[in-house]
Amino acid sequence: MSNNTNVKLLGISGSPRKKSTDYVIREALKFAQEKYNVDVEYFSASAKDMKFCIHCDYCIRKKEGCVHKDDLVELYEKMLWADAWIIGTPVYQGALSAQTKTIMDRCRAIVAADPKAFVNKVGAAAAVGGDRSGGQEPAIQTILNFYMISEMTPVSGGPFGSNLGGTFWSKDKGAEGVAEDSEGIKSLHKTVKKLIKTAMNKKEAHMEV
């Protein structure tokens, strides 16, 4: 595997605030840039106008995007650009934030126009909870399920430190809390390594065809 393979990495924070989840995703992008040859883009749900999917089927009928012309149009472009994504969510009521779920639901508009739009892209996830076991892994599993449904390749950091993805305990101290969570940082770094290496392998395999 060549380290010269350029990977385009998208980080998405599905939090309405710019605190712990924002820190985690920015740390993922920073770590990737330090270790690998990557280009990065970032999207935060904070202060964004993002309307819920209303199942109007506009995207199915028109095949030209979503009926809502809001801030997710910017994200659609980044999603198509990227080879690899990492989505981060805060844990609300033991699961995803509403913002993270809205982002995933609204991807229907992309695949309605092109069902293979996300094929061969690679995805990872991270979750931040105020409690040590507050629902981080169920939240991550929902994101990984989204990747599978979208025909992407879901990855984690693997056993011994990262099982499903990056899991953080913020102790409700925001960015300071996750920065102090050494096990969380370890799980994130393992996940990012696997994410980038998998994306590199896929790109190299595609170039050889």
N, C-alpha and C. Protein backbone atom coordinates (compact mmCIF):
# COMPACT_ATOMS: atom_id res chain seq x y z
N MET A 1 0.85 -1.20 0.00
CA MET A 1 0.00 0.00 0.00
C MET A 1 0.88 1.25 0.00
N SER A 2 0.65 2.16 -0.91
CA SER A 2 1.45 3.37 -1.01
C SER A 2 0.88 4.49 -0.16
N ASN A 3 1.75 5.19 0.57
CA ASN A 3 1.32 6.34 1.36
C ASN A 3 1.08 7.57 0.50
N ASN A 4 1.36 7.45 -0.82
CA ASN A 4 1.16 8.57 -1.73
C ASN A 4 -0.28 8.66 -2.23
N THR A 5 -1.07 7.67 -1.91
CA THR A 5 -2.47 7.69 -2.35
C THR A 5 -3.23 8.78 -1.60
N ASN A 6 -3.73 9.75 -2.34
CA ASN A 6 -4.41 10.89 -1.72
C ASN A 6 -5.86 10.53 -1.41
N VAL A 7 -6.25 10.69 -0.16
CA VAL A 7 -7.62 10.40 0.27
C VAL A 7 -8.32 11.70 0.63
N LYS A 8 -9.55 11.83 0.17
CA LYS A 8 -10.37 13.00 0.50
C LYS A 8 -11.29 12.61 1.66
N LEU A 9 -11.10 13.29 2.79
CA LEU A 9 -11.77 12.93 4.03
C LEU A 9 -12.74 14.03 4.47
N LEU A 10 -13.96 13.62 4.76
CA LEU A 10 -15.00 14.54 5.23
C LEU A 10 -15.33 14.24 6.69
N GLY A 11 -15.27 15.26 7.52
CA GLY A 11 -15.70 15.14 8.91
C GLY A 11 -17.00 15.87 9.12
N ILE A 12 -17.96 15.20 9.77
CA ILE A 12 -19.29 15.77 10.01
C ILE A 12 -19.58 15.74 11.50
N SER A 13 -19.84 16.89 12.07
CA SER A 13 -20.29 16.97 13.47
C SER A 13 -21.80 17.17 13.48
N GLY A 14 -22.51 16.20 14.05
CA GLY A 14 -23.96 16.27 14.10
C GLY A 14 -24.48 16.87 15.39
N SER A 15 -23.72 17.79 15.96
CA SER A 15 -24.12 18.44 17.20
C SER A 15 -24.63 19.85 16.94
N PRO A 16 -25.65 20.29 17.68
CA PRO A 16 -26.11 21.67 17.53
C PRO A 16 -25.17 22.67 18.20
N ARG A 17 -24.16 22.16 18.90
CA ARG A 17 -23.21 23.03 19.59
C ARG A 17 -21.80 22.80 19.04
N LYS A 18 -20.92 23.74 19.27
CA LYS A 18 -19.52 23.57 18.90
C LYS A 18 -18.72 23.36 20.17
N LYS A 19 -18.89 22.14 20.72
CA LYS A 19 -18.20 21.79 21.96
C LYS A 19 -17.52 20.44 21.79
N SER A 20 -18.00 19.42 22.48
CA SER A 20 -17.25 18.15 22.52
C SER A 20 -17.23 17.41 21.18
N THR A 21 -18.37 17.30 20.51
CA THR A 21 -18.39 16.56 19.23
C THR A 21 -17.60 17.31 18.17
N ASP A 22 -17.71 18.61 18.18
CA ASP A 22 -16.91 19.44 17.27
C ASP A 22 -15.43 19.18 17.50
N TYR A 23 -15.01 19.14 18.75
CA TYR A 23 -13.60 18.87 19.09
C TYR A 23 -13.17 17.50 18.56
N VAL A 24 -14.02 16.49 18.77
CA VAL A 24 -13.69 15.12 18.37
C VAL A 24 -13.49 15.02 16.85
N ILE A 25 -14.38 15.59 16.08
CA ILE A 25 -14.27 15.48 14.63
C ILE A 25 -13.09 16.29 14.11
N ARG A 26 -12.87 17.45 14.67
CA ARG A 26 -11.69 18.23 14.27
C ARG A 26 -10.39 17.50 14.63
N GLU A 27 -10.39 16.81 15.76
CA GLU A 27 -9.23 16.02 16.15
C GLU A 27 -9.01 14.87 15.16
N ALA A 28 -10.09 14.26 14.70
CA ALA A 28 -9.98 13.18 13.71
C ALA A 28 -9.34 13.70 12.42
N LEU A 29 -9.78 14.85 11.96
CA LEU A 29 -9.23 15.43 10.73
C LEU A 29 -7.77 15.83 10.93
N LYS A 30 -7.47 16.42 12.06
CA LYS A 30 -6.09 16.83 12.36
C LYS A 30 -5.16 15.62 12.41
N PHE A 31 -5.59 14.57 13.09
CA PHE A 31 -4.78 13.36 13.19
C PHE A 31 -4.55 12.75 11.81
N ALA A 32 -5.59 12.71 10.98
CA ALA A 32 -5.45 12.15 9.63
C ALA A 32 -4.45 12.95 8.80
N GLN A 33 -4.49 14.28 8.93
CA GLN A 33 -3.57 15.11 8.17
C GLN A 33 -2.13 14.93 8.64
N GLU A 34 -1.94 14.69 9.93
CA GLU A 34 -0.60 14.50 10.47
C GLU A 34 0.01 13.17 10.02
N LYS A 35 -0.83 12.15 9.86
CA LYS A 35 -0.34 10.79 9.61
C LYS A 35 -0.37 10.38 8.14
N TYR A 36 -1.25 10.99 7.35
CA TYR A 36 -1.49 10.50 5.99
C TYR A 36 -1.59 11.65 5.00
N ASN A 37 -1.58 11.28 3.73
CA ASN A 37 -1.73 12.25 2.65
C ASN A 37 -3.23 12.42 2.37
N VAL A 38 -3.86 13.35 3.06
CA VAL A 38 -5.30 13.54 2.93
C VAL A 38 -5.66 15.00 2.68
N ASP A 39 -6.74 15.19 1.98
CA ASP A 39 -7.40 16.49 1.89
C ASP A 39 -8.64 16.40 2.76
N VAL A 40 -8.96 17.44 3.48
CA VAL A 40 -10.08 17.36 4.41
C VAL A 40 -11.11 18.46 4.18
N GLU A 41 -12.35 18.13 4.50
CA GLU A 41 -13.45 19.09 4.55
C GLU A 41 -14.20 18.83 5.85
N TYR A 42 -14.86 19.87 6.34
CA TYR A 42 -15.56 19.77 7.62
C TYR A 42 -16.95 20.40 7.50
N PHE A 43 -17.91 19.76 8.15
CA PHE A 43 -19.26 20.31 8.21
C PHE A 43 -19.78 20.16 9.63
N SER A 44 -20.27 21.25 10.18
CA SER A 44 -20.88 21.23 11.50
C SER A 44 -22.36 21.55 11.39
N ALA A 45 -23.17 20.80 12.12
CA ALA A 45 -24.62 21.07 12.13
C ALA A 45 -24.96 22.30 12.96
N SER A 46 -24.00 22.81 13.72
CA SER A 46 -24.26 23.95 14.59
C SER A 46 -24.69 25.18 13.79
N ALA A 47 -25.82 25.75 14.20
CA ALA A 47 -26.37 26.98 13.60
C ALA A 47 -26.78 26.82 12.15
N LYS A 48 -26.90 25.59 11.68
CA LYS A 48 -27.30 25.36 10.30
C LYS A 48 -28.81 25.25 10.16
N ASP A 49 -29.31 25.69 9.01
CA ASP A 49 -30.72 25.50 8.66
C ASP A 49 -30.85 24.14 8.00
N MET A 50 -31.40 23.17 8.74
CA MET A 50 -31.54 21.81 8.23
C MET A 50 -32.96 21.33 8.52
N LYS A 51 -33.74 21.20 7.48
CA LYS A 51 -35.12 20.77 7.65
C LYS A 51 -35.22 19.25 7.64
N PHE A 52 -36.21 18.74 8.35
CA PHE A 52 -36.43 17.29 8.37
C PHE A 52 -36.87 16.77 7.01
N CYS A 53 -36.51 15.52 6.70
CA CYS A 53 -37.12 14.83 5.57
C CYS A 53 -38.60 14.66 5.87
N ILE A 54 -39.45 15.03 4.92
CA ILE A 54 -40.90 14.93 5.11
C ILE A 54 -41.51 13.85 4.23
N HIS A 55 -40.66 13.04 3.62
CA HIS A 55 -41.11 11.93 2.78
C HIS A 55 -42.12 12.39 1.72
N CYS A 56 -41.81 13.52 1.11
CA CYS A 56 -42.69 14.06 0.07
C CYS A 56 -42.46 13.40 -1.28
N ASP A 57 -41.34 12.68 -1.40
CA ASP A 57 -40.94 11.99 -2.63
C ASP A 57 -40.59 12.92 -3.78
N TYR A 58 -40.34 14.19 -3.47
CA TYR A 58 -39.86 15.12 -4.50
C TYR A 58 -38.58 14.57 -5.14
N CYS A 59 -37.66 14.08 -4.30
CA CYS A 59 -36.39 13.60 -4.81
C CYS A 59 -36.56 12.37 -5.71
N ILE A 60 -37.56 11.56 -5.41
CA ILE A 60 -37.82 10.37 -6.24
C ILE A 60 -38.41 10.77 -7.58
N ARG A 61 -39.36 11.69 -7.54
CA ARG A 61 -40.04 12.11 -8.78
C ARG A 61 -39.14 12.94 -9.68
N LYS A 62 -38.42 13.89 -9.08
CA LYS A 62 -37.66 14.86 -9.87
C LYS A 62 -36.22 14.41 -10.14
N LYS A 63 -35.67 13.64 -9.23
CA LYS A 63 -34.28 13.18 -9.35
C LYS A 63 -33.31 14.35 -9.54
N GLU A 64 -33.57 15.39 -8.81
CA GLU A 64 -32.72 16.58 -8.90
C GLU A 64 -32.49 17.21 -7.53
N GLY A 65 -32.33 16.36 -6.52
CA GLY A 65 -32.07 16.86 -5.19
C GLY A 65 -33.32 16.94 -4.33
N CYS A 66 -33.17 17.65 -3.20
CA CYS A 66 -34.24 17.70 -2.19
C CYS A 66 -35.15 18.91 -2.40
N VAL A 67 -36.38 18.77 -1.96
CA VAL A 67 -37.33 19.89 -2.01
C VAL A 67 -36.87 21.03 -1.10
N HIS A 68 -36.13 20.71 -0.05
CA HIS A 68 -35.61 21.72 0.86
C HIS A 68 -34.30 22.29 0.32
N LYS A 69 -34.24 23.55 0.10
CA LYS A 69 -33.01 24.21 -0.37
C LYS A 69 -32.38 24.94 0.83
N ASP A 70 -31.76 24.17 1.70
CA ASP A 70 -31.22 24.72 2.94
C ASP A 70 -29.72 24.46 3.01
N ASP A 71 -29.16 24.49 4.20
CA ASP A 71 -27.71 24.38 4.35
C ASP A 71 -27.15 22.99 4.06
N LEU A 72 -28.02 22.00 3.90
CA LEU A 72 -27.52 20.66 3.57
C LEU A 72 -27.08 20.55 2.11
N VAL A 73 -27.47 21.50 1.28
CA VAL A 73 -26.98 21.49 -0.11
C VAL A 73 -25.45 21.56 -0.12
N GLU A 74 -24.90 22.37 0.75
CA GLU A 74 -23.44 22.47 0.90
C GLU A 74 -22.84 21.13 1.29
N LEU A 75 -23.50 20.42 2.20
CA LEU A 75 -22.99 19.14 2.67
C LEU A 75 -23.08 18.08 1.57
N TYR A 76 -24.15 18.09 0.78
CA TYR A 76 -24.28 17.14 -0.31
C TYR A 76 -23.03 17.17 -1.21
N GLU A 77 -22.57 18.37 -1.52
CA GLU A 77 -21.39 18.51 -2.39
C GLU A 77 -20.16 17.90 -1.74
N LYS A 78 -20.00 18.11 -0.45
CA LYS A 78 -18.85 17.55 0.27
C LYS A 78 -18.93 16.03 0.33
N MET A 79 -20.13 15.50 0.53
CA MET A 79 -20.31 14.05 0.59
C MET A 79 -19.90 13.38 -0.72
N LEU A 80 -20.28 13.97 -1.82
CA LEU A 80 -19.95 13.40 -3.13
C LEU A 80 -18.45 13.53 -3.41
N TRP A 81 -17.86 14.59 -2.92
CA TRP A 81 -16.42 14.83 -3.12
C TRP A 81 -15.56 13.82 -2.37
N ALA A 82 -15.97 13.43 -1.18
CA ALA A 82 -15.12 12.67 -0.27
C ALA A 82 -15.03 11.19 -0.63
N ASP A 83 -13.86 10.61 -0.33
CA ASP A 83 -13.66 9.15 -0.40
C ASP A 83 -14.07 8.50 0.91
N ALA A 84 -13.90 9.22 2.01
CA ALA A 84 -14.13 8.67 3.34
C ALA A 84 -14.82 9.72 4.21
N TRP A 85 -15.72 9.26 5.07
CA TRP A 85 -16.43 10.14 6.00
C TRP A 85 -16.20 9.66 7.43
N ILE A 86 -16.21 10.60 8.35
CA ILE A 86 -16.38 10.26 9.77
C ILE A 86 -17.47 11.17 10.32
N ILE A 87 -18.53 10.55 10.80
CA ILE A 87 -19.65 11.27 11.39
C ILE A 87 -19.57 11.16 12.90
N GLY A 88 -19.68 12.28 13.57
CA GLY A 88 -19.71 12.30 15.03
C GLY A 88 -21.05 12.79 15.53
N THR A 89 -21.53 12.19 16.61
CA THR A 89 -22.79 12.61 17.20
C THR A 89 -22.68 12.69 18.72
N PRO A 90 -23.36 13.66 19.31
CA PRO A 90 -23.55 13.59 20.76
C PRO A 90 -24.64 12.56 21.04
N VAL A 91 -24.65 12.02 22.23
CA VAL A 91 -25.68 11.05 22.61
C VAL A 91 -26.83 11.78 23.29
N TYR A 92 -28.01 11.66 22.69
CA TYR A 92 -29.24 12.23 23.27
C TYR A 92 -30.20 11.08 23.55
N GLN A 93 -30.61 10.95 24.79
CA GLN A 93 -31.56 9.89 25.17
C GLN A 93 -31.09 8.52 24.71
N GLY A 94 -29.81 8.26 24.83
CA GLY A 94 -29.26 6.95 24.49
C GLY A 94 -29.10 6.69 23.02
N ALA A 95 -29.21 7.73 22.18
CA ALA A 95 -29.12 7.51 20.74
C ALA A 95 -28.53 8.75 20.06
N LEU A 96 -28.77 8.87 18.76
CA LEU A 96 -28.26 9.98 17.97
C LEU A 96 -28.91 11.31 18.34
N SER A 97 -28.24 12.39 17.98
CA SER A 97 -28.89 13.70 18.02
C SER A 97 -29.86 13.80 16.84
N ALA A 98 -30.83 14.66 16.97
CA ALA A 98 -31.79 14.88 15.87
C ALA A 98 -31.08 15.42 14.64
N GLN A 99 -30.04 16.22 14.86
CA GLN A 99 -29.31 16.80 13.73
C GLN A 99 -28.59 15.71 12.92
N THR A 100 -27.97 14.77 13.63
CA THR A 100 -27.28 13.68 12.94
C THR A 100 -28.26 12.84 12.14
N LYS A 101 -29.39 12.53 12.74
CA LYS A 101 -30.40 11.72 12.04
C LYS A 101 -30.94 12.46 10.83
N THR A 102 -31.14 13.77 10.95
CA THR A 102 -31.63 14.55 9.82
C THR A 102 -30.65 14.52 8.67
N ILE A 103 -29.35 14.65 8.97
CA ILE A 103 -28.34 14.58 7.93
C ILE A 103 -28.42 13.26 7.18
N MET A 104 -28.53 12.15 7.91
CA MET A 104 -28.59 10.84 7.26
C MET A 104 -29.89 10.67 6.48
N ASP A 105 -31.01 11.09 7.06
CA ASP A 105 -32.30 10.96 6.37
C ASP A 105 -32.32 11.73 5.06
N ARG A 106 -31.73 12.89 5.08
CA ARG A 106 -31.78 13.76 3.90
C ARG A 106 -30.84 13.29 2.77
N CYS A 107 -30.00 12.30 3.05
CA CYS A 107 -29.18 11.72 1.98
C CYS A 107 -30.02 10.98 0.95
N ARG A 108 -31.25 10.72 1.30
CA ARG A 108 -32.18 10.08 0.34
C ARG A 108 -32.23 10.87 -0.98
N ALA A 109 -32.10 12.17 -0.89
CA ALA A 109 -32.16 13.00 -2.09
C ALA A 109 -30.99 12.73 -3.04
N ILE A 110 -29.84 12.38 -2.47
CA ILE A 110 -28.68 12.09 -3.31
C ILE A 110 -28.84 10.74 -4.00
N VAL A 111 -29.18 9.72 -3.23
CA VAL A 111 -29.27 8.38 -3.83
C VAL A 111 -30.52 8.21 -4.69
N ALA A 112 -31.51 9.08 -4.52
CA ALA A 112 -32.67 9.04 -5.42
C ALA A 112 -32.25 9.43 -6.83
N ALA A 113 -31.32 10.38 -6.93
CA ALA A 113 -30.82 10.81 -8.24
C ALA A 113 -29.81 9.82 -8.80
N ASP A 114 -29.00 9.23 -7.90
CA ASP A 114 -27.99 8.26 -8.32
C ASP A 114 -27.84 7.20 -7.23
N PRO A 115 -28.47 6.05 -7.38
CA PRO A 115 -28.44 5.02 -6.34
C PRO A 115 -27.03 4.54 -5.98
N LYS A 116 -26.06 4.78 -6.85
CA LYS A 116 -24.69 4.33 -6.60
C LYS A 116 -23.78 5.48 -6.17
N ALA A 117 -24.37 6.58 -5.76
CA ALA A 117 -23.58 7.78 -5.44
C ALA A 117 -22.54 7.55 -4.35
N PHE A 118 -22.87 6.69 -3.39
CA PHE A 118 -21.98 6.49 -2.25
C PHE A 118 -21.22 5.17 -2.29
N VAL A 119 -21.40 4.39 -3.34
CA VAL A 119 -20.73 3.10 -3.44
C VAL A 119 -19.21 3.31 -3.44
N ASN A 120 -18.51 2.47 -2.70
CA ASN A 120 -17.05 2.48 -2.57
C ASN A 120 -16.52 3.56 -1.64
N LYS A 121 -17.39 4.40 -1.10
CA LYS A 121 -16.94 5.31 -0.06
C LYS A 121 -16.84 4.54 1.26
N VAL A 122 -16.02 5.05 2.17
CA VAL A 122 -15.76 4.37 3.43
C VAL A 122 -16.23 5.28 4.56
N GLY A 123 -16.85 4.69 5.59
CA GLY A 123 -17.38 5.51 6.67
C GLY A 123 -17.04 5.00 8.06
N ALA A 124 -16.78 5.92 8.96
CA ALA A 124 -16.54 5.60 10.37
C ALA A 124 -17.38 6.54 11.23
N ALA A 125 -17.40 6.28 12.53
CA ALA A 125 -18.27 7.05 13.41
C ALA A 125 -17.63 7.26 14.77
N ALA A 126 -18.10 8.32 15.43
CA ALA A 126 -17.70 8.60 16.81
C ALA A 126 -18.91 9.14 17.55
N ALA A 127 -18.96 8.88 18.86
CA ALA A 127 -20.08 9.36 19.68
C ALA A 127 -19.57 9.84 21.02
N VAL A 128 -20.21 10.89 21.52
CA VAL A 128 -19.81 11.51 22.79
C VAL A 128 -20.99 11.47 23.75
N GLY A 129 -20.76 10.94 24.94
CA GLY A 129 -21.79 10.91 25.97
C GLY A 129 -21.35 11.63 27.22
N GLY A 130 -22.29 12.23 27.92
CA GLY A 130 -22.00 12.86 29.20
C GLY A 130 -21.73 11.85 30.29
N ASP A 131 -22.26 10.63 30.11
CA ASP A 131 -22.00 9.50 31.01
C ASP A 131 -21.03 8.55 30.34
N ARG A 132 -20.32 7.75 31.13
CA ARG A 132 -19.37 6.80 30.56
C ARG A 132 -20.08 5.81 29.62
N SER A 133 -21.24 5.31 30.03
CA SER A 133 -22.02 4.39 29.20
C SER A 133 -23.39 5.01 28.98
N GLY A 134 -23.44 6.01 28.12
CA GLY A 134 -24.68 6.74 27.93
C GLY A 134 -25.42 6.44 26.65
N GLY A 135 -24.91 5.47 25.87
CA GLY A 135 -25.53 5.15 24.58
C GLY A 135 -24.61 5.39 23.41
N GLN A 136 -23.30 5.51 23.68
CA GLN A 136 -22.36 5.77 22.59
C GLN A 136 -22.39 4.68 21.52
N GLU A 137 -22.35 3.43 21.95
CA GLU A 137 -22.28 2.35 20.95
C GLU A 137 -23.59 2.19 20.15
N PRO A 138 -24.77 2.27 20.77
CA PRO A 138 -25.99 2.25 19.94
C PRO A 138 -26.04 3.40 18.94
N ALA A 139 -25.55 4.58 19.34
CA ALA A 139 -25.53 5.72 18.42
C ALA A 139 -24.60 5.42 17.24
N ILE A 140 -23.42 4.88 17.54
CA ILE A 140 -22.47 4.53 16.47
C ILE A 140 -23.05 3.46 15.56
N GLN A 141 -23.71 2.46 16.14
CA GLN A 141 -24.30 1.39 15.31
C GLN A 141 -25.30 1.94 14.31
N THR A 142 -26.07 2.94 14.70
CA THR A 142 -27.03 3.54 13.78
C THR A 142 -26.32 4.20 12.60
N ILE A 143 -25.21 4.85 12.87
CA ILE A 143 -24.44 5.47 11.78
C ILE A 143 -23.84 4.39 10.87
N LEU A 144 -23.30 3.33 11.46
CA LEU A 144 -22.75 2.24 10.65
C LEU A 144 -23.83 1.56 9.82
N ASN A 145 -25.03 1.43 10.37
CA ASN A 145 -26.15 0.89 9.60
C ASN A 145 -26.46 1.77 8.39
N PHE A 146 -26.43 3.08 8.60
CA PHE A 146 -26.66 4.03 7.50
C PHE A 146 -25.64 3.81 6.39
N TYR A 147 -24.38 3.62 6.76
CA TYR A 147 -23.35 3.37 5.75
C TYR A 147 -23.66 2.11 4.95
N MET A 148 -24.05 1.05 5.64
CA MET A 148 -24.35 -0.20 4.94
C MET A 148 -25.52 -0.05 3.99
N ILE A 149 -26.57 0.63 4.45
CA ILE A 149 -27.73 0.84 3.60
C ILE A 149 -27.37 1.67 2.36
N SER A 150 -26.42 2.58 2.53
CA SER A 150 -25.99 3.45 1.43
C SER A 150 -24.94 2.79 0.54
N GLU A 151 -24.63 1.51 0.79
CA GLU A 151 -23.63 0.73 0.04
C GLU A 151 -22.22 1.29 0.20
N MET A 152 -21.98 1.92 1.35
CA MET A 152 -20.63 2.31 1.72
C MET A 152 -19.98 1.17 2.50
N THR A 153 -18.71 1.30 2.80
CA THR A 153 -18.00 0.31 3.61
C THR A 153 -17.82 0.87 5.01
N PRO A 154 -18.52 0.32 6.01
CA PRO A 154 -18.35 0.81 7.38
C PRO A 154 -17.10 0.22 8.01
N VAL A 155 -16.38 1.04 8.76
CA VAL A 155 -15.19 0.54 9.44
C VAL A 155 -15.17 1.02 10.89
N SER A 156 -14.43 0.30 11.72
CA SER A 156 -14.15 0.72 13.08
C SER A 156 -12.66 0.59 13.30
N GLY A 157 -12.22 0.87 14.51
CA GLY A 157 -10.81 0.70 14.81
C GLY A 157 -10.44 -0.74 15.14
N GLY A 158 -11.44 -1.59 15.30
CA GLY A 158 -11.19 -2.99 15.60
C GLY A 158 -11.11 -3.26 17.10
N PRO A 159 -10.85 -4.51 17.48
CA PRO A 159 -10.83 -4.89 18.89
C PRO A 159 -9.68 -4.27 19.66
N PHE A 160 -9.78 -4.36 20.97
CA PHE A 160 -8.74 -3.87 21.88
C PHE A 160 -8.59 -2.35 21.79
N GLY A 161 -9.69 -1.65 22.03
CA GLY A 161 -9.58 -0.20 22.15
C GLY A 161 -10.50 0.62 21.31
N SER A 162 -11.15 -0.02 20.30
CA SER A 162 -12.00 0.80 19.45
C SER A 162 -13.24 0.10 18.92
N ASN A 163 -13.45 -1.14 19.24
CA ASN A 163 -14.57 -1.96 18.82
C ASN A 163 -15.44 -1.42 17.68
N LEU A 164 -16.35 -0.48 17.94
CA LEU A 164 -17.24 0.02 16.89
C LEU A 164 -16.80 1.36 16.31
N GLY A 165 -16.02 2.12 17.06
CA GLY A 165 -15.61 3.45 16.61
C GLY A 165 -15.07 4.26 17.76
N GLY A 166 -15.04 5.56 17.59
CA GLY A 166 -14.55 6.44 18.63
C GLY A 166 -15.61 6.70 19.68
N THR A 167 -15.36 6.31 20.92
CA THR A 167 -16.34 6.50 21.99
C THR A 167 -15.74 7.37 23.09
N PHE A 168 -16.49 8.42 23.45
CA PHE A 168 -15.98 9.42 24.37
C PHE A 168 -16.91 9.65 25.56
N TRP A 169 -16.27 9.95 26.67
CA TRP A 169 -16.98 10.34 27.90
C TRP A 169 -16.56 11.79 28.19
N SER A 170 -17.48 12.70 28.00
CA SER A 170 -17.15 14.12 28.17
C SER A 170 -17.27 14.62 29.60
N LYS A 171 -17.96 13.84 30.44
CA LYS A 171 -18.27 14.26 31.81
C LYS A 171 -19.01 15.60 31.84
N ASP A 172 -19.69 15.89 30.72
CA ASP A 172 -20.42 17.16 30.56
C ASP A 172 -19.51 18.37 30.72
N LYS A 173 -18.26 18.21 30.27
CA LYS A 173 -17.30 19.31 30.36
C LYS A 173 -16.91 19.81 28.97
N GLY A 174 -17.72 19.48 27.96
CA GLY A 174 -17.45 19.98 26.62
C GLY A 174 -16.14 19.50 26.04
N ALA A 175 -15.49 20.40 25.25
CA ALA A 175 -14.24 20.04 24.59
C ALA A 175 -13.16 19.66 25.59
N GLU A 176 -13.14 20.33 26.73
CA GLU A 176 -12.15 20.01 27.75
C GLU A 176 -12.31 18.57 28.23
N GLY A 177 -13.55 18.13 28.39
CA GLY A 177 -13.80 16.77 28.87
C GLY A 177 -13.32 15.71 27.91
N VAL A 178 -13.62 15.87 26.61
CA VAL A 178 -13.19 14.84 25.65
C VAL A 178 -11.68 14.89 25.42
N ALA A 179 -11.09 16.08 25.50
CA ALA A 179 -9.64 16.19 25.34
C ALA A 179 -8.91 15.45 26.45
N GLU A 180 -9.55 15.36 27.63
CA GLU A 180 -8.95 14.66 28.77
C GLU A 180 -9.21 13.16 28.75
N ASP A 181 -10.07 12.69 27.87
CA ASP A 181 -10.44 11.28 27.82
C ASP A 181 -9.42 10.52 26.95
N SER A 182 -8.36 10.04 27.57
CA SER A 182 -7.28 9.39 26.83
C SER A 182 -7.74 8.13 26.11
N GLU A 183 -8.65 7.37 26.74
CA GLU A 183 -9.16 6.17 26.08
C GLU A 183 -10.01 6.53 24.87
N GLY A 184 -10.78 7.60 24.98
CA GLY A 184 -11.56 8.06 23.84
C GLY A 184 -10.68 8.49 22.68
N ILE A 185 -9.63 9.25 22.98
CA ILE A 185 -8.70 9.68 21.93
C ILE A 185 -8.04 8.47 21.28
N LYS A 186 -7.66 7.49 22.09
CA LYS A 186 -7.07 6.25 21.55
C LYS A 186 -8.05 5.56 20.60
N SER A 187 -9.32 5.46 21.00
CA SER A 187 -10.31 4.80 20.14
C SER A 187 -10.52 5.57 18.84
N LEU A 188 -10.47 6.88 18.92
CA LEU A 188 -10.64 7.70 17.71
C LEU A 188 -9.47 7.53 16.76
N HIS A 189 -8.26 7.58 17.29
CA HIS A 189 -7.08 7.45 16.44
C HIS A 189 -7.03 6.09 15.76
N LYS A 190 -7.37 5.04 16.50
CA LYS A 190 -7.41 3.70 15.88
C LYS A 190 -8.44 3.66 14.75
N THR A 191 -9.57 4.29 14.99
CA THR A 191 -10.64 4.31 13.98
C THR A 191 -10.21 5.08 12.74
N VAL A 192 -9.57 6.23 12.94
CA VAL A 192 -9.13 7.03 11.80
C VAL A 192 -8.07 6.29 10.99
N LYS A 193 -7.14 5.60 11.67
CA LYS A 193 -6.14 4.82 10.95
C LYS A 193 -6.80 3.79 10.04
N LYS A 194 -7.76 3.06 10.59
CA LYS A 194 -8.44 2.03 9.80
C LYS A 194 -9.23 2.67 8.67
N LEU A 195 -9.86 3.80 8.94
CA LEU A 195 -10.65 4.49 7.91
C LEU A 195 -9.78 4.90 6.73
N ILE A 196 -8.66 5.54 7.01
CA ILE A 196 -7.80 6.02 5.93
C ILE A 196 -7.13 4.87 5.19
N LYS A 197 -6.67 3.87 5.92
CA LYS A 197 -6.02 2.73 5.25
C LYS A 197 -7.01 1.98 4.35
N THR A 198 -8.25 1.85 4.80
CA THR A 198 -9.26 1.19 3.98
C THR A 198 -9.56 2.01 2.74
N ALA A 199 -9.68 3.32 2.90
CA ALA A 199 -9.94 4.19 1.75
C ALA A 199 -8.77 4.15 0.77
N MET A 200 -7.54 4.12 1.27
CA MET A 200 -6.36 4.01 0.41
C MET A 200 -6.39 2.72 -0.40
N ASN A 201 -6.69 1.62 0.29
CA ASN A 201 -6.74 0.33 -0.40
C ASN A 201 -7.79 0.32 -1.50
N LYS A 202 -8.94 0.91 -1.21
CA LYS A 202 -10.01 0.95 -2.23
C LYS A 202 -9.61 1.80 -3.43
N LYS A 203 -8.97 2.93 -3.16
CA LYS A 203 -8.55 3.79 -4.27
C LYS A 203 -7.48 3.11 -5.12
N GLU A 204 -6.54 2.44 -4.45
CA GLU A 204 -5.48 1.78 -5.20
C GLU A 204 -6.03 0.61 -6.02
N ALA A 205 -6.99 -0.12 -5.45
CA ALA A 205 -7.60 -1.23 -6.18
C ALA A 205 -8.35 -0.72 -7.40
N HIS A 206 -9.02 0.42 -7.24
CA HIS A 206 -9.77 1.00 -8.36
C HIS A 206 -8.82 1.45 -9.48
N MET A 207 -7.66 2.01 -9.09
CA MET A 207 -6.71 2.49 -10.08
C MET A 207 -6.08 1.33 -10.86
N GLU A 208 -6.01 0.17 -10.21
CA GLU A 208 -5.39 -0.99 -10.86
C GLU A 208 -6.32 -1.70 -11.83
N VAL A 209 -7.63 -1.42 -11.73
CA VAL A 209 -8.60 -2.10 -12.60
C VAL A 209 -8.45 -1.63 -14.04
